[in-house]
Amino acid sequence: MAAPQLPSASSQLPIFLAGPTAVGKSEIAFALAEKIGGEIISADSMQVYRGLDLGTAKPSPAERARVPHHLLDVCDLTEAFDAAQFIRRAEKAVAEIQSRHKTPIFCGGTGLYFKAFLEGLGEAPATSPELRAELVATPFAALLHELRERDPAAYEKIDKQNPRRVIRAVEVIRLTGKKFSEQRAEWKAASGKQQAEKFFCFTRSADDLHRRIHVRVEEMFRRGLVAETAQLLQHGLAENIFAMQAIGYRQVVEHLRGEHSLAETIERVKIRTRQFAKRQLTWFRRHGNCEWIELTPDEIAEEAMGKIIAQK
């Protein structure tokens, strides 16, 4: 059998690696980057925040020294970050990486970021800092009520546990005077906006993924997630409605406020992480135009990386 071919030196089109949390995509991206001469672009909506390290499984300084990473630690906890900013920064990172004749490797679990980069945001209005600040300060129940009254269709479909999505929907409605659901239908994929070498999504059996989530959460707490969260509270974590959506931090904040014991908190983080992984898989199956790779429990990153190269 002929040896698998690596990407040609003349083409550094981006490679996209996606999947649910704890599936192992970061390790695979790292192995692939070292093998083919690539640099990694994080497609994670929480790793952009400085200080959110343990809870987001951010690459270590040693790993970042071996393989360049982009879109990590790009904003403070006092700032908001959205898909439009991701597109701008990612496009700049891709151009810089390709100028060095390296291959950009996108890696993450934020499906909207992949879709936004590849297809664009259509005619979606830009964020208004003033309006966004007003909406962030508005009680969440009031935002849900406004969305239900002004756009029942969007209200029925939107993730009501995700303040970021709800705030954006209300923001678009107020900025345009039109229903958010109707505008989303009008947002067309920008044909040829971005090209990809390949788009892969990883999955595992439910038992295997749940086991890995259990191990990851236990390790996060062992390494000091509680202390990290306590420190971040002094720098505005609780006031950032977006950063507080990072699983682990909200639960630890509630623990620090005396609402739950540490054992209860660890279990709650495991449950929320499993639920989040299920939602990620559902999103990529519905929206991701990707090639699926099933990983086995004993499969190491280098073996999975070989599957990517074999399919290219």
C-alpha atoms as a PDB file:
ATOM      1  CA  MET A   1       0.000   0.000   0.000  1.00  0.00           C
ATOM      2  CA  ALA A   2       1.344   3.408  -0.932  1.00  0.00           C
ATOM      3  CA  ALA A   3       2.367   5.678   1.939  1.00  0.00           C
ATOM      4  CA  PRO A   4      -0.167   8.425   2.785  1.00  0.00           C
ATOM      5  CA  GLN A   5       0.599  11.752   1.203  1.00  0.00           C
ATOM      6  CA  LEU A   6       1.168  14.921   3.189  1.00  0.00           C
ATOM      7  CA  PRO A   7      -0.251  18.271   2.039  1.00  0.00           C
ATOM      8  CA  SER A   8       1.690  19.633  -0.896  1.00  0.00           C
ATOM      9  CA  ALA A   9       4.242  22.323  -0.168  1.00  0.00           C
ATOM     10  CA  SER A  10       2.605  24.559  -2.744  1.00  0.00           C
ATOM     11  CA  SER A  11      -0.744  24.592  -0.927  1.00  0.00           C
ATOM     12  CA  GLN A  12      -1.270  25.657   2.651  1.00  0.00           C
ATOM     13  CA  LEU A  13      -5.060  25.634   2.647  1.00  0.00           C
ATOM     14  CA  PRO A  14      -6.424  25.462   6.198  1.00  0.00           C
ATOM     15  CA  ILE A  15      -7.327  22.138   7.787  1.00  0.00           C
ATOM     16  CA  PHE A  16     -10.294  22.127  10.179  1.00  0.00           C
ATOM     17  CA  LEU A  17     -10.493  19.803  13.181  1.00  0.00           C
ATOM     18  CA  ALA A  18     -13.705  19.928  15.194  1.00  0.00           C
ATOM     19  CA  GLY A  19     -15.659  17.886  17.694  1.00  0.00           C
ATOM     20  CA  PRO A  20     -17.039  17.832  21.222  1.00  0.00           C
ATOM     21  CA  THR A  21     -15.104  18.758  24.311  1.00  0.00           C
ATOM     22  CA  ALA A  22     -12.689  16.077  25.593  1.00  0.00           C
ATOM     23  CA  VAL A  23     -12.813  14.088  22.347  1.00  0.00           C
ATOM     24  CA  GLY A  24      -9.046  14.578  21.893  1.00  0.00           C
ATOM     25  CA  LYS A  25      -8.931  17.040  19.003  1.00  0.00           C
ATOM     26  CA  SER A  26      -6.290  19.296  20.591  1.00  0.00           C
ATOM     27  CA  GLU A  27      -3.811  16.443  20.930  1.00  0.00           C
ATOM     28  CA  ILE A  28      -4.480  15.399  17.337  1.00  0.00           C
ATOM     29  CA  ALA A  29      -4.055  18.965  16.067  1.00  0.00           C
ATOM     30  CA  PHE A  30      -0.763  19.225  17.914  1.00  0.00           C
ATOM     31  CA  ALA A  31       0.548  15.974  16.445  1.00  0.00           C
ATOM     32  CA  LEU A  32      -0.584  17.000  12.965  1.00  0.00           C
ATOM     33  CA  ALA A  33       1.023  20.434  13.259  1.00  0.00           C
ATOM     34  CA  GLU A  34       4.360  18.904  14.200  1.00  0.00           C
ATOM     35  CA  LYS A  35       4.099  16.342  11.395  1.00  0.00           C
ATOM     36  CA  ILE A  36       3.239  18.648   8.495  1.00  0.00           C
ATOM     37  CA  GLY A  37       4.660  21.964   9.675  1.00  0.00           C
ATOM     38  CA  GLY A  38       1.491  23.655  10.788  1.00  0.00           C
ATOM     39  CA  GLU A  39       0.307  26.302  13.226  1.00  0.00           C
ATOM     40  CA  ILE A  40      -2.886  26.000  15.254  1.00  0.00           C
ATOM     41  CA  ILE A  41      -5.735  28.518  15.274  1.00  0.00           C
ATOM     42  CA  SER A  42      -8.067  28.048  18.228  1.00  0.00           C
ATOM     43  CA  ALA A  43     -11.767  27.967  17.339  1.00  0.00           C
ATOM     44  CA  ASP A  44     -12.879  28.104  20.953  1.00  0.00           C
ATOM     45  CA  SER A  45     -15.067  30.953  22.191  1.00  0.00           C
ATOM     46  CA  MET A  46     -13.648  30.752  25.733  1.00  0.00           C
ATOM     47  CA  GLN A  47      -9.937  30.284  25.105  1.00  0.00           C
ATOM     48  CA  VAL A  48      -9.848  33.856  23.767  1.00  0.00           C
ATOM     49  CA  TYR A  49     -10.083  35.130  27.371  1.00  0.00           C
ATOM     50  CA  ARG A  50      -6.923  35.752  29.361  1.00  0.00           C
ATOM     51  CA  GLY A  51      -6.964  33.789  32.583  1.00  0.00           C
ATOM     52  CA  LEU A  52      -9.499  31.141  31.575  1.00  0.00           C
ATOM     53  CA  ASP A  53      -6.844  28.452  31.453  1.00  0.00           C
ATOM     54  CA  LEU A  54      -7.648  25.301  33.405  1.00  0.00           C
ATOM     55  CA  GLY A  55     -11.380  25.362  32.769  1.00  0.00           C
ATOM     56  CA  THR A  56     -10.947  25.688  29.001  1.00  0.00           C
ATOM     57  CA  ALA A  57      -8.094  23.152  28.741  1.00  0.00           C
ATOM     58  CA  LYS A  58      -5.935  25.816  27.146  1.00  0.00           C
ATOM     59  CA  PRO A  59      -2.617  24.569  25.707  1.00  0.00           C
ATOM     60  CA  SER A  60       0.272  24.821  28.126  1.00  0.00           C
ATOM     61  CA  PRO A  61       3.155  27.300  27.653  1.00  0.00           C
ATOM     62  CA  ALA A  62       5.406  24.358  26.749  1.00  0.00           C
ATOM     63  CA  GLU A  63       3.007  23.198  24.031  1.00  0.00           C
ATOM     64  CA  ARG A  64       2.665  26.724  22.678  1.00  0.00           C
ATOM     65  CA  ALA A  65       6.441  26.997  22.554  1.00  0.00           C
ATOM     66  CA  ARG A  66       6.682  23.844  20.426  1.00  0.00           C
ATOM     67  CA  VAL A  67       3.807  24.695  18.067  1.00  0.00           C
ATOM     68  CA  PRO A  68       2.614  28.281  17.485  1.00  0.00           C
ATOM     69  CA  HIS A  69      -1.001  28.840  18.574  1.00  0.00           C
ATOM     70  CA  HIS A  70      -3.261  31.714  17.560  1.00  0.00           C
ATOM     71  CA  LEU A  71      -6.406  33.325  18.998  1.00  0.00           C
ATOM     72  CA  LEU A  72      -5.546  32.417  22.564  1.00  0.00           C
ATOM     73  CA  ASP A  73      -5.580  35.116  25.269  1.00  0.00           C
ATOM     74  CA  VAL A  74      -6.670  37.886  22.907  1.00  0.00           C
ATOM     75  CA  CYS A  75      -9.074  39.740  25.221  1.00  0.00           C
ATOM     76  CA  ASP A  76      -9.583  40.590  28.876  1.00  0.00           C
ATOM     77  CA  LEU A  77     -12.450  39.409  31.025  1.00  0.00           C
ATOM     78  CA  THR A  78     -13.944  42.886  30.809  1.00  0.00           C
ATOM     79  CA  GLU A  79     -14.391  42.544  27.017  1.00  0.00           C
ATOM     80  CA  ALA A  80     -16.920  40.805  24.796  1.00  0.00           C
ATOM     81  CA  PHE A  81     -15.864  38.632  21.862  1.00  0.00           C
ATOM     82  CA  ASP A  82     -18.024  37.542  18.938  1.00  0.00           C
ATOM     83  CA  ALA A  83     -17.929  35.683  15.627  1.00  0.00           C
ATOM     84  CA  ALA A  84     -17.191  38.845  13.640  1.00  0.00           C
ATOM     85  CA  GLN A  85     -14.042  39.444  15.685  1.00  0.00           C
ATOM     86  CA  PHE A  86     -13.113  35.801  15.276  1.00  0.00           C
ATOM     87  CA  ILE A  87     -13.337  36.085  11.491  1.00  0.00           C
ATOM     88  CA  ARG A  88     -11.115  39.162  11.378  1.00  0.00           C
ATOM     89  CA  ARG A  89      -8.469  37.698  13.645  1.00  0.00           C
ATOM     90  CA  ALA A  90      -8.588  34.259  12.024  1.00  0.00           C
ATOM     91  CA  GLU A  91      -8.192  35.656   8.514  1.00  0.00           C
ATOM     92  CA  LYS A  92      -5.171  37.653   9.682  1.00  0.00           C
ATOM     93  CA  ALA A  93      -3.687  34.567  11.349  1.00  0.00           C
ATOM     94  CA  VAL A  94      -4.207  32.437   8.226  1.00  0.00           C
ATOM     95  CA  ALA A  95      -2.452  35.020   6.049  1.00  0.00           C
ATOM     96  CA  GLU A  96       0.492  35.221   8.455  1.00  0.00           C
ATOM     97  CA  ILE A  97       0.824  31.439   8.706  1.00  0.00           C
ATOM     98  CA  GLN A  98       0.650  30.956   4.941  1.00  0.00           C
ATOM     99  CA  SER A  99       3.249  33.700   4.431  1.00  0.00           C
ATOM    100  CA  ARG A 100       5.619  31.450   6.396  1.00  0.00           C
ATOM    101  CA  HIS A 101       4.681  28.529   4.092  1.00  0.00           C
ATOM    102  CA  LYS A 102       3.016  26.752   7.006  1.00  0.00           C
ATOM    103  CA  THR A 103      -0.411  25.115   7.149  1.00  0.00           C
ATOM    104  CA  PRO A 104      -3.148  26.727   9.281  1.00  0.00           C
ATOM    105  CA  ILE A 105      -4.906  24.124  11.434  1.00  0.00           C
ATOM    106  CA  PHE A 106      -8.173  25.270  12.978  1.00  0.00           C
ATOM    107  CA  CYS A 107      -9.039  23.334  16.108  1.00  0.00           C
ATOM    108  CA  GLY A 108     -11.989  23.775  18.449  1.00  0.00           C
ATOM    109  CA  GLY A 109     -15.559  23.057  19.363  1.00  0.00           C
ATOM    110  CA  THR A 110     -17.349  26.353  18.689  1.00  0.00           C
ATOM    111  CA  GLY A 111     -19.359  25.424  15.619  1.00  0.00           C
ATOM    112  CA  LEU A 112     -20.484  28.967  14.904  1.00  0.00           C
ATOM    113  CA  TYR A 113     -16.867  30.077  14.492  1.00  0.00           C
ATOM    114  CA  PHE A 114     -16.192  27.410  11.867  1.00  0.00           C
ATOM    115  CA  LYS A 115     -19.378  28.281   9.995  1.00  0.00           C
ATOM    116  CA  ALA A 116     -18.746  32.032  10.219  1.00  0.00           C
ATOM    117  CA  PHE A 117     -15.191  31.709   8.912  1.00  0.00           C
ATOM    118  CA  LEU A 118     -16.105  29.420   6.024  1.00  0.00           C
ATOM    119  CA  GLU A 119     -19.399  31.000   5.009  1.00  0.00           C
ATOM    120  CA  GLY A 120     -19.340  34.510   6.408  1.00  0.00           C
ATOM    121  CA  LEU A 121     -21.953  36.306   8.475  1.00  0.00           C
ATOM    122  CA  GLY A 122     -23.983  37.592   5.537  1.00  0.00           C
ATOM    123  CA  GLU A 123     -25.776  40.834   6.247  1.00  0.00           C
ATOM    124  CA  ALA A 124     -25.765  40.463  10.025  1.00  0.00           C
ATOM    125  CA  PRO A 125     -25.285  43.913  11.565  1.00  0.00           C
ATOM    126  CA  ALA A 126     -22.099  44.680  13.441  1.00  0.00           C
ATOM    127  CA  THR A 127     -22.217  44.686  17.214  1.00  0.00           C
ATOM    128  CA  SER A 128     -23.087  47.989  18.861  1.00  0.00           C
ATOM    129  CA  PRO A 129     -20.910  48.394  21.993  1.00  0.00           C
ATOM    130  CA  GLU A 130     -23.433  50.732  23.615  1.00  0.00           C
ATOM    131  CA  LEU A 131     -26.430  48.503  22.932  1.00  0.00           C
ATOM    132  CA  ARG A 132     -24.492  45.384  23.859  1.00  0.00           C
ATOM    133  CA  ALA A 133     -23.580  46.908  27.227  1.00  0.00           C
ATOM    134  CA  GLU A 134     -27.237  47.777  27.815  1.00  0.00           C
ATOM    135  CA  LEU A 135     -28.377  44.262  26.961  1.00  0.00           C
ATOM    136  CA  VAL A 136     -25.733  42.628  29.138  1.00  0.00           C
ATOM    137  CA  ALA A 137     -26.998  44.705  32.071  1.00  0.00           C
ATOM    138  CA  THR A 138     -30.621  43.725  31.382  1.00  0.00           C
ATOM    139  CA  PRO A 139     -32.066  40.817  33.417  1.00  0.00           C
ATOM    140  CA  PHE A 140     -31.925  37.667  31.335  1.00  0.00           C
ATOM    141  CA  ALA A 141     -35.593  36.895  31.935  1.00  0.00           C
ATOM    142  CA  ALA A 142     -36.494  40.280  30.434  1.00  0.00           C
ATOM    143  CA  LEU A 143     -34.429  39.522  27.313  1.00  0.00           C
ATOM    144  CA  LEU A 144     -36.173  36.182  26.869  1.00  0.00           C
ATOM    145  CA  HIS A 145     -39.539  37.896  27.244  1.00  0.00           C
ATOM    146  CA  GLU A 146     -38.612  40.505  24.610  1.00  0.00           C
ATOM    147  CA  LEU A 147     -37.419  37.841  22.194  1.00  0.00           C
ATOM    148  CA  ARG A 148     -40.592  35.802  22.684  1.00  0.00           C
ATOM    149  CA  GLU A 149     -42.766  38.857  22.039  1.00  0.00           C
ATOM    150  CA  ARG A 150     -40.843  40.212  19.045  1.00  0.00           C
ATOM    151  CA  ASP A 151     -39.780  36.969  17.363  1.00  0.00           C
ATOM    152  CA  PRO A 152     -41.607  33.801  18.525  1.00  0.00           C
ATOM    153  CA  ALA A 153     -39.908  31.681  15.853  1.00  0.00           C
ATOM    154  CA  ALA A 154     -36.428  32.613  17.067  1.00  0.00           C
ATOM    155  CA  TYR A 155     -37.519  32.150  20.680  1.00  0.00           C
ATOM    156  CA  GLU A 156     -38.658  28.590  20.004  1.00  0.00           C
ATOM    157  CA  LYS A 157     -35.395  27.566  18.325  1.00  0.00           C
ATOM    158  CA  ILE A 158     -32.769  29.442  20.323  1.00  0.00           C
ATOM    159  CA  ASP A 159     -30.724  27.872  23.124  1.00  0.00           C
ATOM    160  CA  LYS A 160     -32.366  29.533  26.131  1.00  0.00           C
ATOM    161  CA  GLN A 161     -29.482  28.492  28.362  1.00  0.00           C
ATOM    162  CA  ASN A 162     -27.037  30.555  26.311  1.00  0.00           C
ATOM    163  CA  PRO A 163     -27.166  34.283  27.156  1.00  0.00           C
ATOM    164  CA  ARG A 164     -24.695  35.068  24.380  1.00  0.00           C
ATOM    165  CA  ARG A 165     -27.111  33.824  21.699  1.00  0.00           C
ATOM    166  CA  VAL A 166     -30.149  35.468  23.255  1.00  0.00           C
ATOM    167  CA  ILE A 167     -28.391  38.823  23.616  1.00  0.00           C
ATOM    168  CA  ARG A 168     -27.245  38.701  20.001  1.00  0.00           C
ATOM    169  CA  ALA A 169     -30.753  37.892  18.765  1.00  0.00           C
ATOM    170  CA  VAL A 170     -32.289  40.816  20.663  1.00  0.00           C
ATOM    171  CA  GLU A 171     -29.439  43.073  19.562  1.00  0.00           C
ATOM    172  CA  VAL A 172     -30.027  42.274  15.877  1.00  0.00           C
ATOM    173  CA  ILE A 173     -33.767  42.839  16.244  1.00  0.00           C
ATOM    174  CA  ARG A 174     -33.249  46.228  17.866  1.00  0.00           C
ATOM    175  CA  LEU A 175     -30.601  47.320  15.374  1.00  0.00           C
ATOM    176  CA  THR A 176     -32.570  46.349  12.285  1.00  0.00           C
ATOM    177  CA  GLY A 177     -36.186  46.433  13.362  1.00  0.00           C
ATOM    178  CA  LYS A 178     -36.608  43.019  11.734  1.00  0.00           C
ATOM    179  CA  LYS A 179     -37.119  39.555  13.164  1.00  0.00           C
ATOM    180  CA  PHE A 180     -33.922  37.699  13.906  1.00  0.00           C
ATOM    181  CA  SER A 181     -35.318  34.451  12.459  1.00  0.00           C
ATOM    182  CA  GLU A 182     -36.100  36.091   9.120  1.00  0.00           C
ATOM    183  CA  GLN A 183     -32.671  37.644   8.842  1.00  0.00           C
ATOM    184  CA  ARG A 184     -30.943  34.352   9.579  1.00  0.00           C
ATOM    185  CA  ALA A 185     -32.853  32.823   6.680  1.00  0.00           C
ATOM    186  CA  GLU A 186     -31.545  35.593   4.438  1.00  0.00           C
ATOM    187  CA  TRP A 187     -27.913  35.154   5.475  1.00  0.00           C
ATOM    188  CA  LYS A 188     -26.473  33.262   2.554  1.00  0.00           C
ATOM    189  CA  ALA A 189     -23.259  31.319   2.500  1.00  0.00           C
ATOM    190  CA  ALA A 190     -20.620  33.373   0.762  1.00  0.00           C
ATOM    191  CA  SER A 191     -19.648  30.977  -1.994  1.00  0.00           C
ATOM    192  CA  GLY A 192     -15.912  30.586  -2.137  1.00  0.00           C
ATOM    193  CA  LYS A 193     -15.336  32.968   0.776  1.00  0.00           C
ATOM    194  CA  GLN A 194     -12.834  30.590   2.341  1.00  0.00           C
ATOM    195  CA  GLN A 195     -11.434  27.299   1.190  1.00  0.00           C
ATOM    196  CA  ALA A 196     -10.339  24.383   3.299  1.00  0.00           C
ATOM    197  CA  GLU A 197      -7.966  21.509   2.625  1.00  0.00           C
ATOM    198  CA  LYS A 198     -10.197  19.248   4.736  1.00  0.00           C
ATOM    199  CA  PHE A 199     -12.807  19.548   7.503  1.00  0.00           C
ATOM    200  CA  PHE A 200     -12.793  16.676   9.992  1.00  0.00           C
ATOM    201  CA  CYS A 201     -15.080  16.072  12.971  1.00  0.00           C
ATOM    202  CA  PHE A 202     -14.105  13.607  15.680  1.00  0.00           C
ATOM    203  CA  THR A 203     -16.427  11.473  17.760  1.00  0.00           C
ATOM    204  CA  ARG A 204     -16.235   8.622  20.254  1.00  0.00           C
ATOM    205  CA  SER A 205     -18.654   6.172  21.807  1.00  0.00           C
ATOM    206  CA  ALA A 206     -20.769   7.743  24.549  1.00  0.00           C
ATOM    207  CA  ASP A 207     -19.115   5.636  27.262  1.00  0.00           C
ATOM    208  CA  ASP A 208     -15.629   6.525  26.069  1.00  0.00           C
ATOM    209  CA  LEU A 209     -16.383  10.244  25.810  1.00  0.00           C
ATOM    210  CA  HIS A 210     -18.022  10.299  29.247  1.00  0.00           C
ATOM    211  CA  ARG A 211     -14.997   8.560  30.734  1.00  0.00           C
ATOM    212  CA  ARG A 212     -12.674  11.132  29.207  1.00  0.00           C
ATOM    213  CA  ILE A 213     -14.866  13.973  30.484  1.00  0.00           C
ATOM    214  CA  HIS A 214     -14.731  12.462  33.990  1.00  0.00           C
ATOM    215  CA  VAL A 215     -10.941  12.312  33.869  1.00  0.00           C
ATOM    216  CA  ARG A 216     -10.636  15.835  32.457  1.00  0.00           C
ATOM    217  CA  VAL A 217     -12.872  17.415  35.087  1.00  0.00           C
ATOM    218  CA  GLU A 218     -11.119  15.620  37.937  1.00  0.00           C
ATOM    219  CA  GLU A 219      -7.773  16.846  36.558  1.00  0.00           C
ATOM    220  CA  MET A 220      -9.028  20.443  36.244  1.00  0.00           C
ATOM    221  CA  PHE A 221      -9.951  20.526  39.915  1.00  0.00           C
ATOM    222  CA  ARG A 222      -6.764  18.728  40.969  1.00  0.00           C
ATOM    223  CA  ARG A 223      -4.671  21.344  39.175  1.00  0.00           C
ATOM    224  CA  GLY A 224      -6.423  24.238  40.899  1.00  0.00           C
ATOM    225  CA  LEU A 225      -9.615  25.301  39.116  1.00  0.00           C
ATOM    226  CA  VAL A 226     -11.096  26.614  42.370  1.00  0.00           C
ATOM    227  CA  ALA A 227      -8.072  28.827  43.061  1.00  0.00           C
ATOM    228  CA  GLU A 228      -7.984  30.026  39.452  1.00  0.00           C
ATOM    229  CA  THR A 229     -11.660  30.979  39.600  1.00  0.00           C
ATOM    230  CA  ALA A 230     -11.230  32.801  42.895  1.00  0.00           C
ATOM    231  CA  GLN A 231      -8.451  34.871  41.356  1.00  0.00           C
ATOM    232  CA  LEU A 232     -10.481  35.591  38.216  1.00  0.00           C
ATOM    233  CA  LEU A 233     -13.371  36.893  40.309  1.00  0.00           C
ATOM    234  CA  GLN A 234     -11.067  39.722  41.352  1.00  0.00           C
ATOM    235  CA  HIS A 235     -10.620  40.654  37.676  1.00  0.00           C
ATOM    236  CA  GLY A 236     -14.251  40.835  36.616  1.00  0.00           C
ATOM    237  CA  LEU A 237     -15.202  37.227  35.824  1.00  0.00           C
ATOM    238  CA  ALA A 238     -18.654  37.415  37.424  1.00  0.00           C
ATOM    239  CA  GLU A 239     -19.492  40.585  35.483  1.00  0.00           C
ATOM    240  CA  ASN A 240     -18.763  39.051  32.066  1.00  0.00           C
ATOM    241  CA  ILE A 241     -21.914  37.223  31.028  1.00  0.00           C
ATOM    242  CA  PHE A 242     -20.027  35.586  28.145  1.00  0.00           C
ATOM    243  CA  ALA A 243     -16.987  34.324  30.054  1.00  0.00           C
ATOM    244  CA  MET A 244     -19.267  32.991  32.779  1.00  0.00           C
ATOM    245  CA  GLN A 245     -20.715  30.617  30.201  1.00  0.00           C
ATOM    246  CA  ALA A 246     -17.470  28.639  30.267  1.00  0.00           C
ATOM    247  CA  ILE A 247     -18.402  25.365  31.912  1.00  0.00           C
ATOM    248  CA  GLY A 248     -16.698  24.949  35.255  1.00  0.00           C
ATOM    249  CA  TYR A 249     -16.312  28.596  36.172  1.00  0.00           C
ATOM    250  CA  ARG A 250     -19.973  29.353  36.868  1.00  0.00           C
ATOM    251  CA  GLN A 251     -20.276  26.203  38.966  1.00  0.00           C
ATOM    252  CA  VAL A 252     -17.125  27.030  40.943  1.00  0.00           C
ATOM    253  CA  VAL A 253     -18.344  30.598  41.494  1.00  0.00           C
ATOM    254  CA  GLU A 254     -21.527  29.168  42.992  1.00  0.00           C
ATOM    255  CA  HIS A 255     -19.388  26.890  45.170  1.00  0.00           C
ATOM    256  CA  LEU A 256     -17.319  29.829  46.387  1.00  0.00           C
ATOM    257  CA  ARG A 257     -20.564  31.600  47.291  1.00  0.00           C
ATOM    258  CA  GLY A 258     -21.481  28.642  49.481  1.00  0.00           C
ATOM    259  CA  GLU A 259     -24.265  27.311  47.276  1.00  0.00           C
ATOM    260  CA  HIS A 260     -22.777  23.840  46.725  1.00  0.00           C
ATOM    261  CA  SER A 261     -20.121  21.645  48.285  1.00  0.00           C
ATOM    262  CA  LEU A 262     -16.945  20.899  46.357  1.00  0.00           C
ATOM    263  CA  ALA A 263     -18.021  17.300  45.689  1.00  0.00           C
ATOM    264  CA  GLU A 264     -21.392  18.516  44.384  1.00  0.00           C
ATOM    265  CA  THR A 265     -19.658  21.114  42.235  1.00  0.00           C
ATOM    266  CA  ILE A 266     -17.344  18.587  40.615  1.00  0.00           C
ATOM    267  CA  GLU A 267     -20.292  16.358  39.781  1.00  0.00           C
ATOM    268  CA  ARG A 268     -22.279  19.288  38.402  1.00  0.00           C
ATOM    269  CA  VAL A 269     -19.379  20.252  36.127  1.00  0.00           C
ATOM    270  CA  LYS A 270     -19.200  16.693  34.819  1.00  0.00           C
ATOM    271  CA  ILE A 271     -22.926  16.675  34.064  1.00  0.00           C
ATOM    272  CA  ARG A 272     -22.844  20.070  32.357  1.00  0.00           C
ATOM    273  CA  THR A 273     -19.805  19.036  30.306  1.00  0.00           C
ATOM    274  CA  ARG A 274     -21.539  15.871  29.104  1.00  0.00           C
ATOM    275  CA  GLN A 275     -24.604  17.903  28.146  1.00  0.00           C
ATOM    276  CA  PHE A 276     -22.440  20.423  26.323  1.00  0.00           C
ATOM    277  CA  ALA A 277     -20.603  17.695  24.400  1.00  0.00           C
ATOM    278  CA  LYS A 278     -23.953  16.277  23.281  1.00  0.00           C
ATOM    279  CA  ARG A 279     -25.068  19.703  22.027  1.00  0.00           C
ATOM    280  CA  GLN A 280     -21.776  20.142  20.160  1.00  0.00           C
ATOM    281  CA  LEU A 281     -22.180  16.794  18.407  1.00  0.00           C
ATOM    282  CA  THR A 282     -25.742  17.654  17.452  1.00  0.00           C
ATOM    283  CA  TRP A 283     -24.638  20.991  16.004  1.00  0.00           C
ATOM    284  CA  PHE A 284     -21.850  19.557  13.881  1.00  0.00           C
ATOM    285  CA  ARG A 285     -24.086  16.769  12.587  1.00  0.00           C
ATOM    286  CA  ARG A 286     -26.692  19.298  11.516  1.00  0.00           C
ATOM    287  CA  HIS A 287     -24.483  22.095  10.248  1.00  0.00           C
ATOM    288  CA  GLY A 288     -20.966  20.814   9.770  1.00  0.00           C
ATOM    289  CA  ASN A 289     -20.047  19.749   6.241  1.00  0.00           C
ATOM    290  CA  CYS A 290     -17.306  17.532   7.569  1.00  0.00           C
ATOM    291  CA  GLU A 291     -15.813  14.061   7.353  1.00  0.00           C
ATOM    292  CA  TRP A 292     -16.408  12.097  10.553  1.00  0.00           C
ATOM    293  CA  ILE A 293     -13.657  10.117  12.239  1.00  0.00           C
ATOM    294  CA  GLU A 294     -14.574   7.737  15.066  1.00  0.00           C
ATOM    295  CA  LEU A 295     -11.831   7.446  17.673  1.00  0.00           C
ATOM    296  CA  THR A 296     -11.343   4.321  19.756  1.00  0.00           C
ATOM    297  CA  PRO A 297     -10.588   4.305  23.513  1.00  0.00           C
ATOM    298  CA  ASP A 298      -6.994   3.168  23.123  1.00  0.00           C
ATOM    299  CA  GLU A 299      -6.194   5.283  20.069  1.00  0.00           C
ATOM    300  CA  ILE A 300      -3.326   7.730  20.473  1.00  0.00           C
ATOM    301  CA  ALA A 301      -3.132  11.124  18.789  1.00  0.00           C
ATOM    302  CA  GLU A 302      -0.510  10.006  16.269  1.00  0.00           C
ATOM    303  CA  GLU A 303      -2.766   7.193  15.038  1.00  0.00           C
ATOM    304  CA  ALA A 304      -5.711   9.568  14.647  1.00  0.00           C
ATOM    305  CA  MET A 305      -3.463  12.031  12.881  1.00  0.00           C
ATOM    306  CA  GLY A 306      -2.556   9.257  10.454  1.00  0.00           C
ATOM    307  CA  LYS A 307      -6.249   8.864   9.591  1.00  0.00           C
ATOM    308  CA  ILE A 308      -6.390  12.536   8.639  1.00  0.00           C
ATOM    309  CA  ILE A 309      -3.379  12.280   6.395  1.00  0.00           C
ATOM    310  CA  ALA A 310      -4.729   9.091   4.795  1.00  0.00           C
ATOM    311  CA  GLN A 311      -8.004  10.822   3.908  1.00  0.00           C
ATOM    312  CA  LYS A 312      -6.405  13.949   2.441  1.00  0.00           C
END
